[in-house]
Amino acid sequence: MYGYHFVYFVLMSLSYVKLNHQGQREKVRFSS
């Protein structure tokens, strides 16, 4: 159970970082 939560947390973190990295340029575009 602990391992499942850990893997889920890692996957969420990776996807969040990926989205944040890709959306950074778009954020600047929307902000301007």
C-alpha atoms as a PDB file:
ATOM      1  CA  MET A   1       0.000   0.000   0.000  1.00  0.00           C
ATOM      2  CA  TYR A   2       2.810   2.409   0.909  1.00  0.00           C
ATOM      3  CA  GLY A   3       4.629   1.557  -2.319  1.00  0.00           C
ATOM      4  CA  TYR A   4       1.483   2.237  -4.338  1.00  0.00           C
ATOM      5  CA  HIS A   5       1.073   5.671  -2.782  1.00  0.00           C
ATOM      6  CA  PHE A   6       4.763   6.407  -3.357  1.00  0.00           C
ATOM      7  CA  VAL A   7       4.579   5.466  -7.052  1.00  0.00           C
ATOM      8  CA  TYR A   8       1.390   7.523  -7.445  1.00  0.00           C
ATOM      9  CA  PHE A   9       3.067  10.519  -5.811  1.00  0.00           C
ATOM     10  CA  VAL A  10       6.121  10.203  -8.075  1.00  0.00           C
ATOM     11  CA  LEU A  11       3.957   9.953 -11.196  1.00  0.00           C
ATOM     12  CA  MET A  12       1.942  12.999 -10.156  1.00  0.00           C
ATOM     13  CA  SER A  13       5.121  14.970  -9.440  1.00  0.00           C
ATOM     14  CA  LEU A  14       6.642  14.075 -12.810  1.00  0.00           C
ATOM     15  CA  SER A  15       3.471  14.957 -14.715  1.00  0.00           C
ATOM     16  CA  TYR A  16       3.152  18.226 -12.767  1.00  0.00           C
ATOM     17  CA  VAL A  17       6.742  19.222 -13.543  1.00  0.00           C
ATOM     18  CA  LYS A  18       6.240  18.282 -17.192  1.00  0.00           C
ATOM     19  CA  LEU A  19       3.077  20.372 -17.474  1.00  0.00           C
ATOM     20  CA  ASN A  20       4.663  23.270 -15.597  1.00  0.00           C
ATOM     21  CA  HIS A  21       7.723  23.198 -17.876  1.00  0.00           C
ATOM     22  CA  GLN A  22       5.598  23.109 -21.048  1.00  0.00           C
ATOM     23  CA  GLY A  23       3.045  25.634 -19.777  1.00  0.00           C
ATOM     24  CA  GLN A  24       5.669  28.153 -18.685  1.00  0.00           C
ATOM     25  CA  ARG A  25       5.937  29.648 -22.182  1.00  0.00           C
ATOM     26  CA  GLU A  26       2.153  29.626 -22.564  1.00  0.00           C
ATOM     27  CA  LYS A  27       1.799  31.341 -19.180  1.00  0.00           C
ATOM     28  CA  VAL A  28       4.066  34.152 -20.378  1.00  0.00           C
ATOM     29  CA  ARG A  29       2.000  34.400 -23.557  1.00  0.00           C
ATOM     30  CA  PHE A  30      -1.267  34.675 -21.593  1.00  0.00           C
ATOM     31  CA  SER A  31       0.276  37.097 -19.116  1.00  0.00           C
ATOM     32  CA  SER A  32       1.455  39.510 -21.808  1.00  0.00           C
END
